[in-house]
Protein backbone atom coordinates (compact mmCIF):
# COMPACT_ATOMS: atom_id res chain seq x y z
CA MET A 1 -35.00 -61.40 38.87
CA THR A 2 -32.66 -64.02 37.41
CA THR A 3 -29.18 -63.31 36.07
CA LYS A 4 -30.44 -64.16 32.56
CA SER A 5 -33.33 -61.68 32.77
CA ILE A 6 -31.03 -58.94 34.11
CA LEU A 7 -28.63 -59.56 31.23
CA THR A 8 -31.47 -59.56 28.71
CA ARG A 9 -32.82 -56.28 30.12
CA SER A 10 -29.37 -54.65 30.08
CA ILE A 11 -28.81 -55.65 26.48
CA GLY A 12 -32.19 -54.18 25.61
CA LYS A 13 -31.27 -50.86 27.23
CA LEU A 14 -27.95 -50.77 25.39
CA ALA A 15 -29.68 -51.49 22.11
CA ALA A 16 -32.20 -48.72 22.72
CA ALA A 17 -29.41 -46.30 23.60
CA ALA A 18 -27.59 -47.26 20.43
CA VAL A 19 -30.70 -46.53 18.38
CA VAL A 20 -31.05 -43.10 20.02
CA ALA A 21 -27.35 -42.33 19.47
CA ALA A 22 -27.55 -43.45 15.86
CA SER A 23 -30.60 -41.29 15.22
CA THR A 24 -28.88 -38.29 16.88
CA ILE A 25 -25.78 -38.73 14.73
CA ALA A 26 -27.93 -39.14 11.64
CA GLY A 27 -29.82 -35.97 12.51
CA SER A 28 -26.57 -34.06 12.96
CA ALA A 29 -25.24 -35.45 9.71
CA ALA A 30 -28.42 -34.39 7.95
CA PHE A 31 -27.98 -30.83 9.29
CA ALA A 32 -24.24 -30.68 8.72
CA LYS A 33 -23.10 -29.00 5.52
CA ASP A 34 -19.79 -29.55 3.79
CA ASP A 35 -19.93 -27.15 0.83
CA ILE A 36 -19.81 -23.91 2.82
CA PHE A 37 -19.32 -20.48 1.25
CA ILE A 38 -18.85 -17.31 3.31
CA ILE A 39 -18.35 -13.75 2.08
CA ALA A 40 -16.55 -11.02 4.03
CA VAL A 41 -17.19 -7.40 3.05
CA THR A 42 -15.19 -4.74 4.87
CA HIS A 43 -14.24 -1.11 4.41
CA GLY A 44 -10.52 -1.95 4.47
CA GLN A 45 -8.40 -2.95 1.52
CA ALA A 46 -6.45 -6.19 1.93
CA SER A 47 -3.26 -4.27 1.04
CA ASP A 48 -3.68 -2.01 4.10
CA PRO A 49 -1.33 -3.18 6.89
CA PHE A 50 -4.15 -3.49 9.44
CA TRP A 51 -6.60 -5.17 7.09
CA SER A 52 -3.95 -7.53 5.78
CA ILE A 53 -3.87 -9.01 9.31
CA VAL A 54 -7.67 -9.33 9.26
CA THR A 55 -7.50 -11.11 5.91
CA ASN A 56 -4.76 -13.40 7.24
CA GLY A 57 -7.17 -14.42 9.99
CA ILE A 58 -10.00 -14.91 7.50
CA THR A 59 -7.81 -17.00 5.19
CA LYS A 60 -6.46 -19.17 8.01
CA ALA A 61 -9.94 -19.80 9.40
CA GLY A 62 -11.15 -20.81 5.94
CA GLU A 63 -8.28 -23.26 5.64
CA ASP A 64 -8.82 -24.65 9.14
CA GLN A 65 -12.54 -25.09 8.52
CA GLY A 66 -12.09 -26.46 4.99
CA ILE A 67 -14.48 -23.93 3.47
CA THR A 68 -14.50 -21.25 0.76
CA VAL A 69 -14.25 -17.62 1.88
CA ALA A 70 -14.26 -14.54 -0.36
CA TYR A 71 -12.92 -11.17 0.82
CA ARG A 72 -14.25 -7.98 -0.76
CA ALA A 73 -13.70 -4.28 -0.07
CA PRO A 74 -14.12 -0.98 -1.93
CA GLU A 75 -11.01 0.53 -3.48
CA THR A 76 -11.24 3.48 -1.10
CA PHE A 77 -13.33 4.34 1.98
CA ASP A 78 -16.59 4.41 0.01
CA MET A 79 -19.86 3.48 1.73
CA VAL A 80 -21.90 3.51 -1.48
CA GLN A 81 -19.59 0.98 -3.09
CA MET A 82 -19.45 -1.07 0.10
CA SER A 83 -23.25 -1.27 0.33
CA GLN A 84 -23.29 -2.45 -3.28
CA LEU A 85 -20.77 -5.16 -2.40
CA ILE A 86 -23.03 -6.33 0.44
CA ASP A 87 -26.03 -6.39 -1.90
CA ALA A 88 -24.03 -8.44 -4.41
CA ALA A 89 -23.02 -10.83 -1.64
CA VAL A 90 -26.68 -11.32 -0.65
CA ASN A 91 -27.53 -12.19 -4.24
CA GLN A 92 -24.99 -15.04 -4.13
CA GLU A 93 -26.87 -16.64 -1.22
CA PRO A 94 -23.78 -17.55 0.86
CA ASP A 95 -23.95 -19.48 4.12
CA GLY A 96 -22.94 -16.37 6.02
CA ILE A 97 -21.77 -12.80 5.55
CA ILE A 98 -19.16 -10.96 7.61
CA VAL A 99 -19.26 -7.17 7.55
CA SER A 100 -17.43 -4.29 9.11
CA ASN A 101 -19.92 -1.51 9.77
CA PRO A 102 -18.22 1.90 10.05
CA ASP A 103 -21.38 3.75 8.93
CA PRO A 104 -24.57 1.99 10.09
CA ASP A 105 -26.82 4.62 8.46
CA ALA A 106 -25.29 3.98 5.05
CA LEU A 107 -24.80 0.22 5.31
CA GLY A 108 -27.81 -0.67 7.46
CA PRO A 109 -30.33 -1.23 4.63
CA SER A 110 -27.99 -3.65 2.83
CA ILE A 111 -27.26 -5.54 6.05
CA GLU A 112 -30.99 -5.76 6.79
CA ARG A 113 -31.57 -7.24 3.32
CA ALA A 114 -29.06 -9.97 4.13
CA VAL A 115 -30.79 -10.74 7.43
CA ALA A 116 -34.23 -10.71 5.76
CA ALA A 117 -32.92 -13.22 3.21
CA GLY A 118 -32.14 -15.61 6.06
CA ILE A 119 -28.37 -15.20 5.79
CA PRO A 120 -26.61 -15.07 9.20
CA VAL A 121 -24.51 -11.92 9.51
CA ILE A 122 -21.64 -11.28 11.91
CA SER A 123 -20.14 -7.80 12.18
CA MET A 124 -16.52 -7.23 13.07
CA ASN A 125 -14.15 -4.36 13.81
CA SER A 126 -16.78 -1.60 13.74
CA GLY A 127 -20.52 -1.27 14.27
CA ILE A 128 -21.02 -2.98 17.63
CA SER A 129 -23.64 -0.47 18.81
CA ALA A 130 -25.78 -1.06 15.70
CA ALA A 131 -25.54 -4.85 15.67
CA VAL A 132 -28.70 -5.75 17.60
CA GLY A 133 -30.89 -3.22 15.81
CA LEU A 134 -29.88 -4.56 12.40
CA GLY A 135 -30.46 -8.20 13.31
CA ILE A 136 -26.76 -9.07 13.30
CA ALA A 137 -26.02 -12.32 15.15
CA LEU A 138 -23.03 -10.98 17.08
CA HIS A 139 -20.05 -8.66 16.87
CA VAL A 140 -16.36 -9.51 17.11
CA GLY A 141 -14.19 -6.54 17.95
CA GLN A 142 -13.51 -3.69 20.28
CA ASP A 143 -16.25 -1.51 21.75
CA GLU A 144 -14.66 1.75 20.67
CA LEU A 145 -16.27 4.29 22.99
CA PRO A 146 -15.44 2.57 26.31
CA ALA A 147 -12.05 1.56 24.90
CA GLY A 148 -11.40 5.21 24.12
CA ARG A 149 -12.25 6.18 27.69
CA ILE A 150 -9.65 3.71 28.97
CA VAL A 151 -7.08 5.10 26.53
CA GLY A 152 -7.86 8.70 27.50
CA ALA A 153 -7.50 7.91 31.19
CA LYS A 154 -4.16 6.19 30.52
CA LEU A 155 -2.89 9.24 28.63
CA GLY A 156 -3.94 11.49 31.52
CA GLU A 157 -2.30 9.24 34.08
CA ILE A 158 1.05 9.40 32.28
CA GLY A 159 0.97 13.19 32.14
CA ALA A 160 -0.85 14.26 28.98
CA THR A 161 -2.83 17.51 29.31
CA HIS A 162 -3.65 18.37 25.66
CA VAL A 163 -4.02 15.47 23.24
CA LEU A 164 -4.13 15.69 19.44
CA CYS A 165 -6.43 12.85 18.27
CA VAL A 166 -5.83 12.19 14.57
CA ILE A 167 -8.66 10.72 12.45
CA GLN A 168 -7.43 9.28 9.13
CA GLU A 169 -10.86 8.25 7.75
CA VAL A 170 -13.37 11.06 8.03
CA GLY A 171 -16.87 9.62 8.42
CA ASN A 172 -15.76 6.38 10.03
CA VAL A 173 -18.04 6.16 13.08
CA ALA A 174 -15.68 3.81 14.93
CA LEU A 175 -12.83 6.32 14.68
CA ASP A 176 -15.11 9.13 15.82
CA GLN A 177 -16.02 7.00 18.84
CA ARG A 178 -12.36 6.44 19.64
CA CYS A 179 -11.64 10.16 19.79
CA GLN A 180 -14.87 10.79 21.70
CA GLY A 181 -13.88 8.12 24.21
CA VAL A 182 -10.39 9.60 24.56
CA THR A 183 -11.98 13.01 25.17
CA GLU A 184 -14.23 11.58 27.89
CA GLY A 185 -11.37 9.64 29.44
CA MET A 186 -9.24 12.79 29.59
CA GLU A 187 -11.82 14.64 31.69
CA GLY A 188 -10.09 15.82 34.82
CA PHE A 189 -6.70 15.54 33.14
CA GLY A 190 -6.93 17.91 30.19
CA THR A 191 -8.38 18.47 26.73
CA VAL A 192 -8.44 16.83 23.29
CA THR A 193 -8.24 18.43 19.85
CA ILE A 194 -9.47 16.45 16.84
CA LEU A 195 -7.34 16.54 13.68
CA PRO A 196 -9.08 15.12 10.59
CA THR A 197 -6.75 14.04 7.81
CA SER A 198 -6.43 11.46 5.04
CA SER A 199 -4.97 7.96 5.00
CA ASP A 200 -1.85 9.20 3.18
CA PRO A 201 1.02 8.88 5.72
CA SER A 202 2.91 11.79 4.14
CA GLU A 203 -0.05 14.11 4.56
CA VAL A 204 -0.61 12.80 8.08
CA GLU A 205 2.97 13.59 9.08
CA SER A 206 2.76 17.05 7.50
CA ARG A 207 -0.49 17.92 9.28
CA ILE A 208 0.75 16.67 12.65
CA ARG A 209 3.92 18.75 12.25
CA ALA A 210 1.84 21.82 11.43
CA ALA A 211 -0.44 21.26 14.44
CA LEU A 212 2.48 20.86 16.85
CA MET A 213 4.23 23.94 15.49
CA SER A 214 1.09 26.08 15.74
CA ASP A 215 0.01 25.02 19.24
CA ASP A 216 2.69 24.65 21.89
CA THR A 217 0.17 23.35 24.46
CA LEU A 218 -0.10 20.01 22.64
CA ASP A 219 1.81 17.39 24.59
CA ALA A 220 0.46 14.12 23.15
CA VAL A 221 -0.48 12.70 19.75
CA MET A 222 -2.99 9.84 19.67
CA GLY A 223 -3.10 7.94 16.40
CA LEU A 224 -6.02 5.71 15.43
CA SER A 225 -3.89 3.47 13.20
CA ALA A 226 -0.27 2.55 13.88
CA PRO A 227 0.97 2.34 10.27
CA THR A 228 -1.15 5.21 8.93
CA VAL A 229 -0.92 7.67 11.84
CA GLY A 230 1.28 6.26 14.60
CA GLU A 231 4.42 5.94 12.46
CA PRO A 232 4.02 9.40 10.84
CA ALA A 233 3.40 10.85 14.31
CA VAL A 234 6.71 9.43 15.53
CA ALA A 235 8.44 10.88 12.46
CA ALA A 236 6.84 14.29 13.00
CA VAL A 237 7.76 14.49 16.67
CA GLN A 238 11.31 13.25 16.07
CA GLY A 239 11.74 15.63 13.14
CA LEU A 240 10.74 18.59 15.29
CA GLY A 241 13.03 17.46 18.12
CA MET A 242 10.04 17.28 20.48
CA GLN A 243 10.50 13.69 21.66
CA ASP A 244 10.97 14.85 25.26
CA GLU A 245 7.89 17.08 25.14
CA VAL A 246 5.26 15.08 23.25
CA ILE A 247 3.84 11.63 24.05
CA VAL A 248 3.10 9.47 21.01
CA ALA A 249 0.64 6.59 21.22
CA SER A 250 -1.58 4.79 18.74
CA TYR A 251 -4.33 2.27 18.29
CA ASP A 252 -3.37 -0.93 16.49
CA LEU A 253 0.04 -2.39 15.77
CA SER A 254 2.75 -2.38 13.14
CA ALA A 255 6.30 -3.71 13.28
CA ASN A 256 7.75 -0.21 12.89
CA PHE A 257 5.54 1.36 15.55
CA LEU A 258 6.30 -1.47 17.95
CA GLN A 259 10.00 -0.86 17.34
CA ALA A 260 9.42 2.81 18.13
CA ILE A 261 7.96 1.72 21.48
CA VAL A 262 10.99 -0.49 22.15
CA ASP A 263 13.28 2.45 21.29
CA GLY A 264 11.36 4.83 23.57
CA LYS A 265 10.09 6.99 20.68
CA ALA A 266 6.47 6.00 21.34
CA THR A 267 4.78 5.17 24.64
CA PHE A 268 2.14 2.52 23.93
CA ALA A 269 -0.09 0.87 21.33
CA VAL A 270 -3.69 -0.27 21.76
CA ASP A 271 -4.16 -3.79 20.44
CA GLN A 272 -7.62 -4.86 19.24
CA GLN A 273 -6.32 -8.15 17.76
CA PRO A 274 -7.38 -7.85 14.10
CA TYR A 275 -6.31 -11.45 13.41
CA LEU A 276 -9.07 -12.66 15.73
CA GLN A 277 -11.52 -10.21 14.15
CA GLY A 278 -10.99 -12.08 10.89
CA TYR A 279 -10.56 -15.60 12.23
CA LEU A 280 -13.45 -15.90 14.68
CA PRO A 281 -16.38 -14.78 12.47
CA VAL A 282 -15.41 -17.29 9.76
CA THR A 283 -15.14 -20.05 12.35
CA PHE A 284 -18.48 -19.16 13.96
CA LEU A 285 -20.33 -19.02 10.63
CA ALA A 286 -18.81 -22.33 9.49
CA GLN A 287 -19.93 -24.02 12.69
CA HIS A 288 -23.37 -22.48 12.32
CA ALA A 289 -23.67 -23.78 8.75
CA ARG A 290 -22.65 -27.26 9.88
CA TYR A 291 -24.33 -27.62 13.24
CA GLY A 292 -26.58 -24.61 13.86
CA VAL A 293 -24.49 -23.36 16.79
CA MET A 294 -23.50 -19.75 17.44
CA PRO A 295 -22.09 -17.85 20.45
CA ALA A 296 -24.85 -16.10 22.36
CA GLY A 297 -23.13 -12.73 22.65
CA ASN A 298 -20.50 -10.36 21.33
CA VAL A 299 -16.83 -11.29 21.53
CA PRO A 300 -14.52 -8.46 22.68
CA SER A 301 -11.10 -8.62 21.02
CA GLY A 302 -9.68 -5.55 22.78
CA PRO A 303 -8.43 -3.27 24.13
CA SER A 304 -5.09 -4.33 25.53
CA PHE A 305 -1.95 -2.23 25.82
CA VAL A 306 1.47 -2.97 24.35
CA THR A 307 4.20 -1.04 26.18
CA GLN A 308 7.99 -1.00 26.17
CA ASP A 309 8.00 -4.02 28.50
CA THR A 310 6.03 -6.20 26.06
CA ALA A 311 6.60 -4.70 22.60
CA GLN A 312 9.60 -6.85 21.70
CA GLN A 313 7.57 -10.01 22.24
CA VAL A 314 4.96 -8.81 19.74
CA ILE A 315 7.28 -7.58 16.98
CA ASP A 316 8.00 -10.97 15.40
CA LEU A 317 4.30 -11.88 15.26
CA SER A 318 3.48 -8.45 13.83
CA ALA A 319 6.05 -8.95 11.09
CA GLN A 320 4.34 -12.25 10.27
CA GLY A 321 0.99 -10.55 9.92
CA LEU A 322 -0.50 -12.05 13.08
CA ARG A 323 -0.45 -9.09 15.51
């Protein structure tokens, strides 16, 4: 074969490759969508310290992706109102819906309507065990039951024998799973008593005080929310002068609870990274709307432990609404 024929053949191959590349790019461009609208419906109000971090993640992801994201939640922990919000979101035909799912029995039908309408749904924070059955694409969050087992074992290892597990949202399946997991993790170490209460920190503190005063075998308080339960638990224990007798720990983070860990008034916090729970679903749904791509499995955002050795590093980020 002559040099000329080799050159001609090479140019032909390059031209063919260019045509294929151009057609691939054109196909991607045809699939890609710029005007993307995503709706997030959760059971947590944006004013709540925990959920404000979630909404910060949602907002930042929307900005980074250059899309429109709406955040909606009932005024209180109300599954009827939340299911109505999901139904309303379906009617708007968004490019994706993000839901927390604290009560799959109550919210399942609305979520299934979204899936049946061809709207991709990602759950976050709560509802991981129900995700596959409802047709949800994936879950971003913490698997609460096994996380609870890890927490219970940690409490037992540091000396707890009778834990008071405080639930601030009665009916929230994820919180029930946390206390159930703690109970299972404490097997071989001791027992767990469940204390249902409200999300009013004053009432939480009062009920923890009453429980500690009425049962002198309690030697640990496990909160399921740092600002709502963890901080009042610290106040209750300190107010009773029982700081040397009662371990205080909590799920989630707040600047004040982290400071309590630094000061030795609390032992540890369980971080499920709510910022990522807001940020990642928006990012995934935006990429799906543009390119049809989606992670193939759930994304665990926790648990990890924040102790006295690491709490100071987290405080500044917590104050900024990132941790």
